């Protein structure tokens, strides 16, 4: 069975697809490629995650959320996407997520 992992990594698309324990690709699964709303949500989530970092020629560091409420909203969006993927693809893929913030 293929596995989809919703995983946030700086400057990377947040969906990681695996088969037989091996990484296949980092994109929307082919079954959902026409789902523009999902794509919009994923891009927005990744942009918000990227904004948690300072990345200059001389510095790269994690700067955290501005508030606990902002963090909760972000985590809720992350969980909503995970749930949507489970509903849409749960019979074809094992869905997992990982977030370190």
PDB file of N, CA and C in Angstrom:
ATOM      1  N   UNK A   1       0.840  -1.185   0.000  1.00  0.00           N
ATOM      2  CA  UNK A   1       0.000   0.000   0.000  1.00  0.00           C
ATOM      3  C   UNK A   1       0.881   1.244   0.000  1.00  0.00           C
ATOM      4  N   UNK A   2       0.480   2.218  -0.766  1.00  0.00           N
ATOM      5  CA  UNK A   2       1.195   3.492  -0.785  1.00  0.00           C
ATOM      6  C   UNK A   2       0.883   4.269   0.490  1.00  0.00           C
ATOM      7  N   UNK A   3       1.783   5.161   0.815  1.00  0.00           N
ATOM      8  CA  UNK A   3       1.606   5.988   2.005  1.00  0.00           C
ATOM      9  C   UNK A   3       1.769   7.449   1.622  1.00  0.00           C
ATOM     10  N   UNK A   4       0.876   8.282   2.152  1.00  0.00           N
ATOM     11  CA  UNK A   4       0.996   9.731   2.026  1.00  0.00           C
ATOM     12  C   UNK A   4       1.324  10.275   3.407  1.00  0.00           C
ATOM     13  N   UNK A   5       2.345  11.090   3.442  1.00  0.00           N
ATOM     14  CA  UNK A   5       2.740  11.728   4.689  1.00  0.00           C
ATOM     15  C   UNK A   5       2.623  13.235   4.500  1.00  0.00           C
ATOM     16  N   UNK A   6       1.792  13.851   5.309  1.00  0.00           N
ATOM     17  CA  UNK A   6       1.720  15.307   5.334  1.00  0.00           C
ATOM     18  C   UNK A   6       2.820  15.753   6.293  1.00  0.00           C
ATOM     19  N   UNK A   7       3.864  16.340   5.727  1.00  0.00           N
ATOM     20  CA  UNK A   7       5.057  16.661   6.496  1.00  0.00           C
ATOM     21  C   UNK A   7       5.585  18.021   6.052  1.00  0.00           C
ATOM     22  N   UNK A   8       5.813  18.882   7.008  1.00  0.00           N
ATOM     23  CA  UNK A   8       6.291  20.228   6.701  1.00  0.00           C
ATOM     24  C   UNK A   8       7.803  20.300   6.844  1.00  0.00           C
ATOM     25  N   UNK A   9       8.421  20.704   5.770  1.00  0.00           N
ATOM     26  CA  UNK A   9       9.865  20.902   5.701  1.00  0.00           C
ATOM     27  C   UNK A   9      10.063  22.236   4.986  1.00  0.00           C
ATOM     28  N   UNK A  10      10.976  23.047   5.463  1.00  0.00           N
ATOM     29  CA  UNK A  10      11.182  24.374   4.903  1.00  0.00           C
ATOM     30  C   UNK A  10      11.381  24.313   3.390  1.00  0.00           C
ATOM     31  N   UNK A  11      10.609  25.120   2.665  1.00  0.00           N
ATOM     32  CA  UNK A  11      10.685  25.281   1.209  1.00  0.00           C
ATOM     33  C   UNK A  11      10.373  24.004   0.411  1.00  0.00           C
ATOM     34  N   UNK A  12       9.622  23.069   0.996  1.00  0.00           N
ATOM     35  CA  UNK A  12       9.233  21.837   0.296  1.00  0.00           C
ATOM     36  C   UNK A  12       7.715  21.720   0.262  1.00  0.00           C
ATOM     37  N   UNK A  13       7.190  21.119  -0.794  1.00  0.00           N
ATOM     38  CA  UNK A  13       5.756  20.872  -0.856  1.00  0.00           C
ATOM     39  C   UNK A  13       5.397  19.898   0.265  1.00  0.00           C
ATOM     40  N   UNK A  14       4.271  20.111   0.965  1.00  0.00           N
ATOM     41  CA  UNK A  14       4.003  19.358   2.194  1.00  0.00           C
ATOM     42  C   UNK A  14       3.461  17.933   2.046  1.00  0.00           C
ATOM     43  N   UNK A  15       3.302  17.421   0.840  1.00  0.00           N
ATOM     44  CA  UNK A  15       2.864  16.030   0.687  1.00  0.00           C
ATOM     45  C   UNK A  15       4.037  15.197   0.188  1.00  0.00           C
ATOM     46  N   UNK A  16       4.278  14.091   0.893  1.00  0.00           N
ATOM     47  CA  UNK A  16       5.356  13.161   0.558  1.00  0.00           C
ATOM     48  C   UNK A  16       4.704  11.800   0.310  1.00  0.00           C
ATOM     49  N   UNK A  17       4.975  11.203  -0.838  1.00  0.00           N
ATOM     50  CA  UNK A  17       4.336   9.937  -1.202  1.00  0.00           C
ATOM     51  C   UNK A  17       5.389   8.833  -1.245  1.00  0.00           C
ATOM     52  N   UNK A  18       5.038   7.712  -0.600  1.00  0.00           N
ATOM     53  CA  UNK A  18       5.929   6.561  -0.492  1.00  0.00           C
ATOM     54  C   UNK A  18       5.220   5.304  -0.985  1.00  0.00           C
ATOM     55  N   UNK A  19       6.004   4.344  -1.458  1.00  0.00           N
ATOM     56  CA  UNK A  19       5.505   3.002  -1.785  1.00  0.00           C
ATOM     57  C   UNK A  19       6.580   2.009  -1.369  1.00  0.00           C
ATOM     58  N   UNK A  20       6.156   0.961  -0.715  1.00  0.00           N
ATOM     59  CA  UNK A  20       7.088  -0.072  -0.241  1.00  0.00           C
ATOM     60  C   UNK A  20       8.230   0.522   0.578  1.00  0.00           C
ATOM     61  N   UNK A  21       7.914   1.554   1.346  1.00  0.00           N
ATOM     62  CA  UNK A  21       8.900   2.173   2.213  1.00  0.00           C
ATOM     63  C   UNK A  21       9.880   3.111   1.531  1.00  0.00           C
ATOM     64  N   UNK A  22       9.704   3.321   0.231  1.00  0.00           N
ATOM     65  CA  UNK A  22      10.609   4.185  -0.516  1.00  0.00           C
ATOM     66  C   UNK A  22       9.893   5.456  -0.966  1.00  0.00           C
ATOM     67  N   UNK A  23      10.590   6.561  -0.850  1.00  0.00           N
ATOM     68  CA  UNK A  23      10.050   7.841  -1.292  1.00  0.00           C
ATOM     69  C   UNK A  23       9.848   7.815  -2.802  1.00  0.00           C
ATOM     70  N   UNK A  24       8.638   8.221  -3.254  1.00  0.00           N
ATOM     71  CA  UNK A  24       8.346   8.291  -4.686  1.00  0.00           C
ATOM     72  C   UNK A  24       8.431   9.718  -5.202  1.00  0.00           C
ATOM     73  N   UNK A  25       7.621  10.590  -4.607  1.00  0.00           N
ATOM     74  CA  UNK A  25       7.627  11.978  -5.055  1.00  0.00           C
ATOM     75  C   UNK A  25       6.970  12.873  -4.022  1.00  0.00           C
ATOM     76  N   UNK A  26       7.129  14.169  -4.251  1.00  0.00           N
ATOM     77  CA  UNK A  26       6.716  15.203  -3.318  1.00  0.00           C
ATOM     78  C   UNK A  26       5.735  16.120  -4.041  1.00  0.00           C
ATOM     79  N   UNK A  27       4.450  15.715  -4.094  1.00  0.00           N
ATOM     80  CA  UNK A  27       3.441  16.476  -4.831  1.00  0.00           C
ATOM     81  C   UNK A  27       2.053  15.953  -4.474  1.00  0.00           C
ATOM     82  N   UNK A  28       1.040  16.579  -5.037  1.00  0.00           N
ATOM     83  CA  UNK A  28      -0.331  16.103  -4.853  1.00  0.00           C
ATOM     84  C   UNK A  28      -0.468  14.744  -5.535  1.00  0.00           C
ATOM     85  N   UNK A  29      -1.109  13.775  -4.882  1.00  0.00           N
ATOM     86  CA  UNK A  29      -1.290  12.475  -5.534  1.00  0.00           C
ATOM     87  C   UNK A  29      -2.115  12.615  -6.808  1.00  0.00           C
ATOM     88  N   UNK A  30      -1.841  11.763  -7.775  1.00  0.00           N
ATOM     89  CA  UNK A  30      -2.491  11.866  -9.088  1.00  0.00           C
ATOM     90  C   UNK A  30      -4.010  11.835  -8.984  1.00  0.00           C
ATOM     91  N   UNK A  31      -4.535  11.158  -7.974  1.00  0.00           N
ATOM     92  CA  UNK A  31      -5.979  11.069  -7.799  1.00  0.00           C
ATOM     93  C   UNK A  31      -6.613  12.415  -7.450  1.00  0.00           C
ATOM     94  N   UNK A  32      -5.825  13.341  -6.936  1.00  0.00           N
ATOM     95  CA  UNK A  32      -6.355  14.639  -6.493  1.00  0.00           C
ATOM     96  C   UNK A  32      -5.736  15.820  -7.242  1.00  0.00           C
ATOM     97  N   UNK A  33      -5.062  15.551  -8.340  1.00  0.00           N
ATOM     98  CA  UNK A  33      -4.353  16.614  -9.053  1.00  0.00           C
ATOM     99  C   UNK A  33      -5.290  17.713  -9.564  1.00  0.00           C
ATOM    100  N   UNK A  34      -6.542  17.398  -9.794  1.00  0.00           N
ATOM    101  CA  UNK A  34      -7.514  18.394 -10.268  1.00  0.00           C
ATOM    102  C   UNK A  34      -8.156  19.190  -9.126  1.00  0.00           C
ATOM    103  N   UNK A  35      -7.862  18.832  -7.896  1.00  0.00           N
ATOM    104  CA  UNK A  35      -8.469  19.486  -6.732  1.00  0.00           C
ATOM    105  C   UNK A  35      -7.706  20.781  -6.419  1.00  0.00           C
ATOM    106  N   UNK A  36      -8.124  21.850  -7.044  1.00  0.00           N
ATOM    107  CA  UNK A  36      -7.432  23.138  -6.904  1.00  0.00           C
ATOM    108  C   UNK A  36      -7.575  23.723  -5.501  1.00  0.00           C
ATOM    109  N   UNK A  37      -8.679  23.431  -4.828  1.00  0.00           N
ATOM    110  CA  UNK A  37      -8.865  23.914  -3.456  1.00  0.00           C
ATOM    111  C   UNK A  37      -7.847  23.254  -2.522  1.00  0.00           C
ATOM    112  N   UNK A  38      -7.642  21.955  -2.691  1.00  0.00           N
ATOM    113  CA  UNK A  38      -6.626  21.266  -1.892  1.00  0.00           C
ATOM    114  C   UNK A  38      -5.248  21.854  -2.176  1.00  0.00           C
ATOM    115  N   UNK A  39      -4.940  22.063  -3.424  1.00  0.00           N
ATOM    116  CA  UNK A  39      -3.645  22.642  -3.786  1.00  0.00           C
ATOM    117  C   UNK A  39      -3.471  24.017  -3.146  1.00  0.00           C
ATOM    118  N   UNK A  40      -4.514  24.840  -3.183  1.00  0.00           N
ATOM    119  CA  UNK A  40      -4.455  26.167  -2.575  1.00  0.00           C
ATOM    120  C   UNK A  40      -4.184  26.064  -1.071  1.00  0.00           C
ATOM    121  N   UNK A  41      -4.882  25.140  -0.403  1.00  0.00           N
ATOM    122  CA  UNK A  41      -4.696  24.967   1.040  1.00  0.00           C
ATOM    123  C   UNK A  41      -3.288  24.486   1.378  1.00  0.00           C
ATOM    124  N   UNK A  42      -2.767  23.575   0.567  1.00  0.00           N
ATOM    125  CA  UNK A  42      -1.419  23.062   0.808  1.00  0.00           C
ATOM    126  C   UNK A  42      -0.363  24.145   0.600  1.00  0.00           C
ATOM    127  N   UNK A  43      -0.510  24.921  -0.452  1.00  0.00           N
ATOM    128  CA  UNK A  43       0.439  26.009  -0.713  1.00  0.00           C
ATOM    129  C   UNK A  43       0.364  27.045   0.412  1.00  0.00           C
ATOM    130  N   UNK A  44      -0.841  27.377   0.848  1.00  0.00           N
ATOM    131  CA  UNK A  44      -1.015  28.334   1.939  1.00  0.00           C
ATOM    132  C   UNK A  44      -0.373  27.820   3.228  1.00  0.00           C
ATOM    133  N   UNK A  45      -0.602  26.556   3.539  1.00  0.00           N
ATOM    134  CA  UNK A  45      -0.016  25.957   4.734  1.00  0.00           C
ATOM    135  C   UNK A  45       1.510  26.020   4.670  1.00  0.00           C
ATOM    136  N   UNK A  46       2.067  25.681   3.519  1.00  0.00           N
ATOM    137  CA  UNK A  46       3.520  25.701   3.377  1.00  0.00           C
ATOM    138  C   UNK A  46       4.065  27.122   3.480  1.00  0.00           C
ATOM    139  N   UNK A  47       3.370  28.082   2.903  1.00  0.00           N
ATOM    140  CA  UNK A  47       3.816  29.478   3.009  1.00  0.00           C
ATOM    141  C   UNK A  47       3.820  29.942   4.462  1.00  0.00           C
ATOM    142  N   UNK A  48       2.779  29.576   5.203  1.00  0.00           N
ATOM    143  CA  UNK A  48       2.724  29.949   6.621  1.00  0.00           C
ATOM    144  C   UNK A  48       3.866  29.295   7.393  1.00  0.00           C
ATOM    145  N   UNK A  49       4.147  28.048   7.066  1.00  0.00           N
ATOM    146  CA  UNK A  49       5.260  27.359   7.727  1.00  0.00           C
ATOM    147  C   UNK A  49       6.591  28.034   7.383  1.00  0.00           C
ATOM    148  N   UNK A  50       6.798  28.341   6.112  1.00  0.00           N
ATOM    149  CA  UNK A  50       8.040  29.004   5.693  1.00  0.00           C
ATOM    150  C   UNK A  50       8.234  30.335   6.408  1.00  0.00           C
ATOM    151  N   UNK A  51       7.127  31.024   6.691  1.00  0.00           N
ATOM    152  CA  UNK A  51       7.195  32.316   7.375  1.00  0.00           C
ATOM    153  C   UNK A  51       7.651  32.193   8.829  1.00  0.00           C
ATOM    154  N   UNK A  52       7.734  30.975   9.338  1.00  0.00           N
ATOM    155  CA  UNK A  52       8.206  30.759  10.704  1.00  0.00           C
ATOM    156  C   UNK A  52       9.736  30.757  10.787  1.00  0.00           C
ATOM    157  N   UNK A  53      10.379  31.024   9.670  1.00  0.00           N
ATOM    158  CA  UNK A  53      11.839  30.988   9.611  1.00  0.00           C
ATOM    159  C   UNK A  53      12.393  32.300   9.066  1.00  0.00           C
ATOM    160  N   UNK A  54      13.557  32.658   9.556  1.00  0.00           N
ATOM    161  CA  UNK A  54      14.351  33.723   8.952  1.00  0.00           C
ATOM    162  C   UNK A  54      15.382  33.017   8.082  1.00  0.00           C
ATOM    163  N   UNK A  55      15.458  33.423   6.831  1.00  0.00           N
ATOM    164  CA  UNK A  55      16.401  32.805   5.898  1.00  0.00           C
ATOM    165  C   UNK A  55      17.070  33.914   5.087  1.00  0.00           C
ATOM    166  N   UNK A  56      18.258  34.286   5.520  1.00  0.00           N
ATOM    167  CA  UNK A  56      19.030  35.312   4.819  1.00  0.00           C
ATOM    168  C   UNK A  56      20.380  34.716   4.420  1.00  0.00           C
ATOM    169  N   UNK A  57      21.202  35.524   3.796  1.00  0.00           N
ATOM    170  CA  UNK A  57      22.542  35.058   3.417  1.00  0.00           C
ATOM    171  C   UNK A  57      23.389  34.695   4.627  1.00  0.00           C
ATOM    172  N   UNK A  58      23.091  35.294   5.765  1.00  0.00           N
ATOM    173  CA  UNK A  58      23.928  35.082   6.949  1.00  0.00           C
ATOM    174  C   UNK A  58      23.220  34.390   8.103  1.00  0.00           C
ATOM    175  N   UNK A  59      21.922  34.159   7.974  1.00  0.00           N
ATOM    176  CA  UNK A  59      21.185  33.602   9.112  1.00  0.00           C
ATOM    177  C   UNK A  59      20.038  32.711   8.642  1.00  0.00           C
ATOM    178  N   UNK A  60      19.896  31.593   9.321  1.00  0.00           N
ATOM    179  CA  UNK A  60      18.726  30.738   9.141  1.00  0.00           C
ATOM    180  C   UNK A  60      18.305  30.284  10.525  1.00  0.00           C
ATOM    181  N   UNK A  61      17.068  30.649  10.907  1.00  0.00           N
ATOM    182  CA  UNK A  61      16.594  30.211  12.218  1.00  0.00           C
ATOM    183  C   UNK A  61      15.075  30.194  12.261  1.00  0.00           C
ATOM    184  N   UNK A  62      14.573  29.372  13.164  1.00  0.00           N
ATOM    185  CA  UNK A  62      13.148  29.237  13.436  1.00  0.00           C
ATOM    186  C   UNK A  62      12.735  30.358  14.381  1.00  0.00           C
ATOM    187  N   UNK A  63      11.645  31.085  14.040  1.00  0.00           N
ATOM    188  CA  UNK A  63      11.251  32.227  14.877  1.00  0.00           C
ATOM    189  C   UNK A  63       9.931  32.030  15.612  1.00  0.00           C
ATOM    190  N   UNK A  64       9.263  30.927  15.390  1.00  0.00           N
ATOM    191  CA  UNK A  64       8.028  30.572  16.105  1.00  0.00           C
ATOM    192  C   UNK A  64       6.825  31.397  15.659  1.00  0.00           C
ATOM    193  N   UNK A  65       5.689  31.026  16.212  1.00  0.00           N
ATOM    194  CA  UNK A  65       4.441  31.738  15.959  1.00  0.00           C
ATOM    195  C   UNK A  65       4.390  32.998  16.811  1.00  0.00           C
ATOM    196  N   UNK A  66       3.591  33.967  16.373  1.00  0.00           N
ATOM    197  CA  UNK A  66       3.431  35.209  17.129  1.00  0.00           C
ATOM    198  C   UNK A  66       2.577  35.027  18.371  1.00  0.00           C
ATOM    199  N   UNK A  67       1.690  34.021  18.355  1.00  0.00           N
ATOM    200  CA  UNK A  67       0.806  33.797  19.498  1.00  0.00           C
ATOM    201  C   UNK A  67       0.361  32.339  19.524  1.00  0.00           C
ATOM    202  N   UNK A  68      -0.175  31.931  20.672  1.00  0.00           N
ATOM    203  CA  UNK A  68      -0.726  30.577  20.792  1.00  0.00           C
ATOM    204  C   UNK A  68      -1.945  30.401  19.890  1.00  0.00           C
ATOM    205  N   UNK A  69      -2.716  31.454  19.716  1.00  0.00           N
ATOM    206  CA  UNK A  69      -3.897  31.382  18.847  1.00  0.00           C
ATOM    207  C   UNK A  69      -3.471  31.147  17.401  1.00  0.00           C
ATOM    208  N   UNK A  70      -2.462  31.863  16.953  1.00  0.00           N
ATOM    209  CA  UNK A  70      -1.947  31.674  15.592  1.00  0.00           C
ATOM    210  C   UNK A  70      -1.470  30.227  15.399  1.00  0.00           C
ATOM    211  N   UNK A  71      -0.808  29.692  16.414  1.00  0.00           N
ATOM    212  CA  UNK A  71      -0.339  28.307  16.351  1.00  0.00           C
ATOM    213  C   UNK A  71      -1.518  27.335  16.288  1.00  0.00           C
ATOM    214  N   UNK A  72      -2.539  27.559  17.093  1.00  0.00           N
ATOM    215  CA  UNK A  72      -3.724  26.695  17.094  1.00  0.00           C
ATOM    216  C   UNK A  72      -4.436  26.717  15.746  1.00  0.00           C
ATOM    217  N   UNK A  73      -4.570  27.883  15.144  1.00  0.00           N
ATOM    218  CA  UNK A  73      -5.205  28.005  13.826  1.00  0.00           C
ATOM    219  C   UNK A  73      -4.400  27.225  12.791  1.00  0.00           C
ATOM    220  N   UNK A  74      -3.101  27.364  12.843  1.00  0.00           N
ATOM    221  CA  UNK A  74      -2.224  26.646  11.918  1.00  0.00           C
ATOM    222  C   UNK A  74      -2.377  25.130  12.083  1.00  0.00           C
ATOM    223  N   UNK A  75      -2.341  24.655  13.319  1.00  0.00           N
ATOM    224  CA  UNK A  75      -2.486  23.219  13.575  1.00  0.00           C
ATOM    225  C   UNK A  75      -3.850  22.707  13.142  1.00  0.00           C
ATOM    226  N   UNK A  76      -4.885  23.526  13.305  1.00  0.00           N
ATOM    227  CA  UNK A  76      -6.221  23.147  12.853  1.00  0.00           C
ATOM    228  C   UNK A  76      -6.247  22.987  11.331  1.00  0.00           C
ATOM    229  N   UNK A  77      -5.628  23.903  10.612  1.00  0.00           N
ATOM    230  CA  UNK A  77      -5.551  23.794   9.150  1.00  0.00           C
ATOM    231  C   UNK A  77      -4.802  22.524   8.748  1.00  0.00           C
ATOM    232  N   UNK A  78      -3.715  22.251   9.429  1.00  0.00           N
ATOM    233  CA  UNK A  78      -2.923  21.045   9.175  1.00  0.00           C
ATOM    234  C   UNK A  78      -3.780  19.791   9.375  1.00  0.00           C
ATOM    235  N   UNK A  79      -4.515  19.743  10.477  1.00  0.00           N
ATOM    236  CA  UNK A  79      -5.368  18.584  10.774  1.00  0.00           C
ATOM    237  C   UNK A  79      -6.535  18.465   9.803  1.00  0.00           C
ATOM    238  N   UNK A  80      -7.097  19.581   9.370  1.00  0.00           N
ATOM    239  CA  UNK A  80      -8.182  19.532   8.383  1.00  0.00           C
ATOM    240  C   UNK A  80      -7.701  18.928   7.069  1.00  0.00           C
ATOM    241  N   UNK A  81      -6.514  19.287   6.640  1.00  0.00           N
ATOM    242  CA  UNK A  81      -5.961  18.720   5.410  1.00  0.00           C
ATOM    243  C   UNK A  81      -5.704  17.225   5.592  1.00  0.00           C
ATOM    244  N   UNK A  82      -5.161  16.834   6.733  1.00  0.00           N
ATOM    245  CA  UNK A  82      -4.939  15.411   7.007  1.00  0.00           C
ATOM    246  C   UNK A  82      -6.253  14.648   6.939  1.00  0.00           C
ATOM    247  N   UNK A  83      -7.292  15.177   7.564  1.00  0.00           N
ATOM    248  CA  UNK A  83      -8.603  14.516   7.553  1.00  0.00           C
ATOM    249  C   UNK A  83      -9.174  14.433   6.145  1.00  0.00           C
ATOM    250  N   UNK A  84      -9.018  15.483   5.362  1.00  0.00           N
ATOM    251  CA  UNK A  84      -9.505  15.470   3.985  1.00  0.00           C
ATOM    252  C   UNK A  84      -8.797  14.388   3.174  1.00  0.00           C
ATOM    253  N   UNK A  85      -7.487  14.296   3.313  1.00  0.00           N
ATOM    254  CA  UNK A  85      -6.734  13.262   2.603  1.00  0.00           C
ATOM    255  C   UNK A  85      -7.197  11.873   3.018  1.00  0.00           C
ATOM    256  N   UNK A  86      -7.463  11.695   4.305  1.00  0.00           N
ATOM    257  CA  UNK A  86      -7.945  10.400   4.799  1.00  0.00           C
ATOM    258  C   UNK A  86      -9.287  10.048   4.173  1.00  0.00           C
ATOM    259  N   UNK A  87     -10.196  11.011   4.126  1.00  0.00           N
ATOM    260  CA  UNK A  87     -11.516  10.772   3.535  1.00  0.00           C
ATOM    261  C   UNK A  87     -11.423  10.513   2.035  1.00  0.00           C
ATOM    262  N   UNK A  88     -10.587  11.259   1.345  1.00  0.00           N
ATOM    263  CA  UNK A  88     -10.503  11.158  -0.110  1.00  0.00           C
ATOM    264  C   UNK A  88      -9.701   9.950  -0.584  1.00  0.00           C
ATOM    265  N   UNK A  89      -8.687   9.546   0.188  1.00  0.00           N
ATOM    266  CA  UNK A  89      -7.754   8.529  -0.301  1.00  0.00           C
ATOM    267  C   UNK A  89      -7.495   7.384   0.667  1.00  0.00           C
ATOM    268  N   UNK A  90      -8.226   7.338   1.757  1.00  0.00           N
ATOM    269  CA  UNK A  90      -7.959   6.366   2.816  1.00  0.00           C
ATOM    270  C   UNK A  90      -7.993   4.912   2.398  1.00  0.00           C
ATOM    271  N   UNK A  91      -8.707   4.586   1.334  1.00  0.00           N
ATOM    272  CA  UNK A  91      -8.744   3.196   0.883  1.00  0.00           C
ATOM    273  C   UNK A  91      -7.546   2.859   0.003  1.00  0.00           C
ATOM    274  N   UNK A  92      -6.932   3.859  -0.593  1.00  0.00           N
ATOM    275  CA  UNK A  92      -5.809   3.632  -1.504  1.00  0.00           C
ATOM    276  C   UNK A  92      -4.450   3.906  -0.853  1.00  0.00           C
ATOM    277  N   UNK A  93      -4.445   4.738   0.164  1.00  0.00           N
ATOM    278  CA  UNK A  93      -3.200   5.150   0.807  1.00  0.00           C
ATOM    279  C   UNK A  93      -3.353   5.084   2.320  1.00  0.00           C
ATOM    280  N   UNK A  94      -2.257   4.778   2.994  1.00  0.00           N
ATOM    281  CA  UNK A  94      -2.182   5.001   4.431  1.00  0.00           C
ATOM    282  C   UNK A  94      -1.797   6.470   4.592  1.00  0.00           C
ATOM    283  N   UNK A  95      -2.537   7.191   5.407  1.00  0.00           N
ATOM    284  CA  UNK A  95      -2.306   8.629   5.576  1.00  0.00           C
ATOM    285  C   UNK A  95      -1.655   8.867   6.936  1.00  0.00           C
ATOM    286  N   UNK A  96      -0.562   9.592   6.929  1.00  0.00           N
ATOM    287  CA  UNK A  96       0.108   9.946   8.166  1.00  0.00           C
ATOM    288  C   UNK A  96       0.479  11.412   8.147  1.00  0.00           C
ATOM    289  N   UNK A  97       0.862  11.922   9.294  1.00  0.00           N
ATOM    290  CA  UNK A  97       1.330  13.305   9.325  1.00  0.00           C
ATOM    291  C   UNK A  97       2.415  13.454  10.374  1.00  0.00           C
ATOM    292  N   UNK A  98       3.187  14.470  10.185  1.00  0.00           N
ATOM    293  CA  UNK A  98       4.253  14.776  11.128  1.00  0.00           C
ATOM    294  C   UNK A  98       4.476  16.278  11.094  1.00  0.00           C
ATOM    295  N   UNK A  99       4.490  16.851  12.266  1.00  0.00           N
ATOM    296  CA  UNK A  99       4.724  18.286  12.344  1.00  0.00           C
ATOM    297  C   UNK A  99       5.601  18.563  13.557  1.00  0.00           C
ATOM    298  N   UNK A 100       6.600  19.375  13.339  1.00  0.00           N
ATOM    299  CA  UNK A 100       7.518  19.775  14.407  1.00  0.00           C
ATOM    300  C   UNK A 100       7.548  21.291  14.425  1.00  0.00           C
ATOM    301  N   UNK A 101       6.858  21.872  15.391  1.00  0.00           N
ATOM    302  CA  UNK A 101       6.845  23.331  15.499  1.00  0.00           C
ATOM    303  C   UNK A 101       7.033  23.746  16.940  1.00  0.00           C
TER     304      UNK A 101
END
